[in-house]
Amino acid sequence: MDHARPLPSYLVTRFHGFHATTYQGNKAWYRRLARIGQHPRAMVISCCDSRVHVTSIFGADEGEFFIHRNIAGLVPPYSPDGGNHGTSATVEYAVTTLKVAHLIVIGHSNCGGVQGCADMCSGNAPELLEKSSFVGRWMDILRPGYERVRHLPEAERARALEKQAVLVSLENLMTFPFVREAVEAELLTLHGLWNDIGEGGLEQYDPAQGGFAAL
């Protein structure tokens, strides 16, 4: 591990501030979490984007959310091929071991991953078509969503595709047998949200209306 280096000093300073204030003021709570383990009520799948901060959006405490983040907050279809599947493994653990009651997929405005998918699918990002592009191969998950909105004017397409990322992920979640079984047994509910970063808004997918509506 010769390439590892000490943390930047500003992060070290922030850690000491956390330990002296937040941790010391809630030491009993942290020790209880360490002793009894985690029992989150919900899993959240969101984008890696640093602007999307789900614990702040919902005012969540430590131990409340089981969180998985990846490019564009996508869930791939069920594919038990013996490969390395980080997102699928996280979903499996949340549903079968932690037995979360809610699984929430959150998309967001101005998503770089979604824009990359749009550029790739429209032929404007040939580098993402390369087999060596991890981002491109990951964004292939969203191709079905792109096909649904490709007819829209460009000004509308980006936002529509961001919401398709949520819907494609919800559809793919239901291809996992253990997710489908939990949903059908009414032990798990799936939720689709879209966050408008600039306006601080949150929209929820309503299957009855076939679209997203502001909360």
Protein backbone atom coordinates (compact mmCIF):
# COMPACT_ATOMS: atom_id res chain seq x y z
CA MET A 1 0.00 0.00 0.00
CA ASP A 2 2.84 2.37 -0.86
CA HIS A 3 0.50 4.81 -2.60
CA ALA A 4 -1.65 5.57 0.45
CA ARG A 5 -1.09 8.99 2.01
CA PRO A 6 -2.32 10.77 5.16
CA LEU A 7 -5.67 12.56 5.00
CA PRO A 8 -5.70 16.23 3.97
CA SER A 9 -5.37 18.43 7.05
CA TYR A 10 -8.81 20.02 6.63
CA LEU A 11 -10.47 16.60 6.93
CA VAL A 12 -8.42 15.78 10.01
CA THR A 13 -9.52 19.08 11.57
CA ARG A 14 -13.18 18.34 10.77
CA PHE A 15 -12.90 14.88 12.30
CA HIS A 16 -11.52 16.28 15.55
CA GLY A 17 -14.38 18.78 15.57
CA PHE A 18 -16.91 15.98 15.11
CA HIS A 19 -15.33 13.86 17.84
CA ALA A 20 -15.23 16.74 20.31
CA THR A 21 -18.81 17.89 19.71
CA THR A 22 -21.25 15.56 17.92
CA TYR A 23 -19.72 12.33 19.18
CA GLN A 24 -19.11 13.45 22.77
CA GLY A 25 -22.62 14.82 23.01
CA ASN A 26 -24.11 11.55 21.75
CA LYS A 27 -21.59 8.99 22.98
CA ALA A 28 -24.21 6.72 24.53
CA TRP A 29 -26.14 6.58 21.26
CA TYR A 30 -23.06 5.71 19.19
CA ARG A 31 -22.05 3.01 21.67
CA ARG A 32 -25.56 1.58 21.59
CA LEU A 33 -25.45 1.46 17.78
CA ALA A 34 -22.10 -0.32 17.93
CA ARG A 35 -23.39 -2.84 20.47
CA ILE A 36 -26.80 -3.75 19.03
CA GLY A 37 -25.94 -3.42 15.33
CA GLN A 38 -27.96 -1.67 12.66
CA HIS A 39 -31.70 -1.98 12.19
CA PRO A 40 -32.55 0.58 9.49
CA ARG A 41 -36.17 0.94 8.47
CA ALA A 42 -35.34 1.99 4.92
CA MET A 43 -32.75 1.54 2.21
CA VAL A 44 -31.94 4.49 -0.05
CA ILE A 45 -30.35 4.15 -3.48
CA SER A 46 -29.10 7.47 -4.78
CA CYS A 47 -26.54 9.03 -7.07
CA CYS A 48 -22.90 9.52 -6.07
CA ASP A 49 -23.34 13.23 -6.85
CA SER A 50 -21.92 15.22 -3.95
CA ARG A 51 -24.87 17.63 -4.10
CA VAL A 52 -27.40 14.90 -3.21
CA HIS A 53 -27.39 14.53 0.58
CA VAL A 54 -30.23 12.22 1.50
CA THR A 55 -29.64 12.28 5.26
CA SER A 56 -30.03 16.07 5.22
CA ILE A 57 -33.12 15.94 2.99
CA PHE A 58 -34.91 13.66 5.44
CA GLY A 59 -33.19 14.75 8.66
CA ALA A 60 -32.03 11.17 9.21
CA ASP A 61 -29.94 10.08 12.18
CA GLU A 62 -27.16 7.50 12.25
CA GLY A 63 -28.58 4.00 11.96
CA GLU A 64 -31.78 5.11 10.24
CA PHE A 65 -30.95 4.65 6.53
CA PHE A 66 -29.04 1.89 4.76
CA ILE A 67 -27.56 3.88 1.87
CA HIS A 68 -26.10 2.78 -1.45
CA ARG A 69 -24.76 5.31 -3.95
CA ASN A 70 -23.62 4.81 -7.52
CA ILE A 71 -23.53 6.71 -10.81
CA ALA A 72 -27.08 7.98 -11.48
CA GLY A 73 -28.52 5.86 -8.66
CA LEU A 74 -29.23 2.95 -10.99
CA VAL A 75 -30.20 -0.63 -10.19
CA PRO A 76 -29.22 -3.23 -12.79
CA PRO A 77 -31.53 -6.15 -13.63
CA TYR A 78 -31.17 -9.37 -11.68
CA SER A 79 -28.18 -11.22 -13.12
CA PRO A 80 -26.82 -14.09 -10.97
CA ASP A 81 -23.85 -14.80 -13.25
CA GLY A 82 -21.17 -15.19 -10.59
CA GLY A 83 -19.67 -11.76 -11.31
CA ASN A 84 -19.01 -8.83 -9.00
CA HIS A 85 -22.27 -6.93 -8.46
CA GLY A 86 -21.97 -4.25 -5.80
CA THR A 87 -25.43 -2.73 -6.18
CA SER A 88 -27.16 -6.11 -6.39
CA ALA A 89 -25.27 -7.34 -3.33
CA THR A 90 -26.36 -4.27 -1.38
CA VAL A 91 -30.00 -4.77 -2.35
CA GLU A 92 -29.79 -8.44 -1.38
CA TYR A 93 -28.31 -7.63 2.02
CA ALA A 94 -30.87 -4.91 2.72
CA VAL A 95 -33.88 -7.04 1.81
CA THR A 96 -32.88 -10.51 2.99
CA THR A 97 -30.69 -9.74 6.03
CA LEU A 98 -31.65 -6.30 7.31
CA LYS A 99 -35.25 -6.78 6.14
CA VAL A 100 -35.86 -3.10 5.46
CA ALA A 101 -39.50 -2.08 5.12
CA HIS A 102 -38.94 0.58 2.46
CA LEU A 103 -36.63 0.78 -0.54
CA ILE A 104 -36.30 4.30 -1.91
CA VAL A 105 -34.70 5.20 -5.26
CA ILE A 106 -33.83 8.88 -5.63
CA GLY A 107 -32.89 10.61 -8.88
CA HIS A 108 -31.96 14.27 -9.19
CA SER A 109 -31.70 17.28 -11.46
CA ASN A 110 -28.58 18.05 -13.51
CA CYS A 111 -27.32 14.47 -13.21
CA GLY A 112 -24.01 14.06 -15.04
CA GLY A 113 -24.42 10.32 -15.40
CA VAL A 114 -27.84 10.67 -17.01
CA GLN A 115 -26.50 13.34 -19.36
CA GLY A 116 -23.67 10.99 -20.26
CA CYS A 117 -26.22 8.32 -21.16
CA ALA A 118 -28.09 10.79 -23.37
CA ASP A 119 -24.87 11.83 -25.10
CA MET A 120 -23.79 8.23 -25.58
CA CYS A 121 -27.13 7.06 -26.94
CA SER A 122 -27.34 10.01 -29.34
CA GLY A 123 -23.83 9.39 -30.68
CA ASN A 124 -22.21 12.42 -29.05
CA ALA A 125 -19.96 10.58 -26.61
CA PRO A 126 -18.05 7.88 -28.53
CA GLU A 127 -15.66 7.44 -25.61
CA LEU A 128 -18.52 6.04 -23.54
CA LEU A 129 -19.18 3.39 -26.17
CA GLU A 130 -15.74 1.88 -25.62
CA LYS A 131 -15.78 -1.46 -23.81
CA SER A 132 -13.15 -0.04 -21.47
CA SER A 133 -15.53 2.68 -20.23
CA PHE A 134 -16.92 1.64 -16.85
CA VAL A 135 -19.28 4.63 -16.90
CA GLY A 136 -20.55 3.80 -20.37
CA ARG A 137 -21.24 0.17 -19.57
CA TRP A 138 -22.99 1.16 -16.35
CA MET A 139 -25.14 3.70 -18.17
CA ASP A 140 -26.25 0.98 -20.60
CA ILE A 141 -28.71 0.12 -17.82
CA LEU A 142 -30.59 3.32 -18.70
CA ARG A 143 -30.84 2.69 -22.46
CA PRO A 144 -34.47 1.44 -22.20
CA GLY A 145 -35.37 4.71 -20.50
CA TYR A 146 -33.66 6.72 -23.21
CA GLU A 147 -35.68 4.94 -25.88
CA ARG A 148 -38.87 6.05 -24.12
CA VAL A 149 -37.96 9.75 -24.15
CA ARG A 150 -35.73 10.12 -27.22
CA HIS A 151 -38.63 11.67 -29.16
CA LEU A 152 -38.92 14.60 -26.74
CA PRO A 153 -37.40 18.02 -27.46
CA GLU A 154 -33.86 18.25 -26.10
CA ALA A 155 -34.92 20.83 -23.49
CA GLU A 156 -37.39 18.34 -21.99
CA ARG A 157 -35.44 15.15 -22.58
CA ALA A 158 -32.80 15.61 -19.86
CA ARG A 159 -35.29 15.94 -17.01
CA ALA A 160 -37.48 13.18 -18.40
CA LEU A 161 -34.47 10.85 -18.61
CA GLU A 162 -33.51 11.66 -15.01
CA LYS A 163 -36.94 10.43 -13.96
CA GLN A 164 -36.65 7.42 -16.26
CA ALA A 165 -33.52 6.46 -14.31
CA VAL A 166 -35.73 6.11 -11.24
CA LEU A 167 -38.39 4.13 -13.11
CA VAL A 168 -35.91 1.78 -14.79
CA SER A 169 -34.37 1.08 -11.39
CA LEU A 170 -37.78 0.33 -9.85
CA GLU A 171 -38.57 -2.00 -12.74
CA ASN A 172 -35.22 -3.76 -12.36
CA LEU A 173 -35.70 -4.16 -8.62
CA MET A 174 -38.79 -6.25 -9.31
CA THR A 175 -36.67 -8.69 -11.34
CA PHE A 176 -34.94 -9.74 -8.09
CA PRO A 177 -36.92 -12.73 -6.75
CA PHE A 178 -36.39 -11.78 -3.11
CA VAL A 179 -37.55 -8.21 -3.77
CA ARG A 180 -40.66 -9.35 -5.63
CA GLU A 181 -41.48 -11.88 -2.90
CA ALA A 182 -41.14 -9.25 -0.16
CA VAL A 183 -43.26 -6.74 -2.10
CA GLU A 184 -45.99 -9.29 -2.83
CA ALA A 185 -45.98 -10.36 0.84
CA GLU A 186 -46.43 -6.67 1.78
CA LEU A 187 -43.20 -6.74 3.78
CA LEU A 188 -41.47 -4.21 1.50
CA THR A 189 -42.59 -1.12 -0.37
CA LEU A 190 -40.74 0.53 -3.25
CA HIS A 191 -40.64 4.29 -3.70
CA GLY A 192 -39.37 6.50 -6.52
CA LEU A 193 -38.32 10.10 -5.89
CA TRP A 194 -36.71 12.90 -7.90
CA ASN A 195 -34.85 15.76 -6.20
CA ASP A 196 -34.65 19.24 -7.72
CA ILE A 197 -31.32 20.38 -6.30
CA GLY A 198 -31.63 24.08 -7.14
CA GLU A 199 -35.16 24.48 -5.81
CA GLY A 200 -34.84 22.03 -2.94
CA GLY A 201 -37.90 20.20 -4.22
CA LEU A 202 -38.84 16.56 -4.06
CA GLU A 203 -41.21 14.73 -6.41
CA GLN A 204 -42.69 11.28 -5.86
CA TYR A 205 -43.68 8.79 -8.53
CA ASP A 206 -47.38 7.98 -8.40
CA PRO A 207 -48.19 4.82 -10.38
CA ALA A 208 -51.89 5.68 -10.34
CA GLN A 209 -51.16 8.88 -12.26
CA GLY A 210 -48.23 7.44 -14.22
CA GLY A 211 -45.98 10.36 -13.35
CA PHE A 212 -44.15 12.34 -10.69
CA ALA A 213 -45.86 14.84 -8.40
CA ALA A 214 -44.40 17.32 -5.90
CA LEU A 215 -44.50 16.38 -2.23
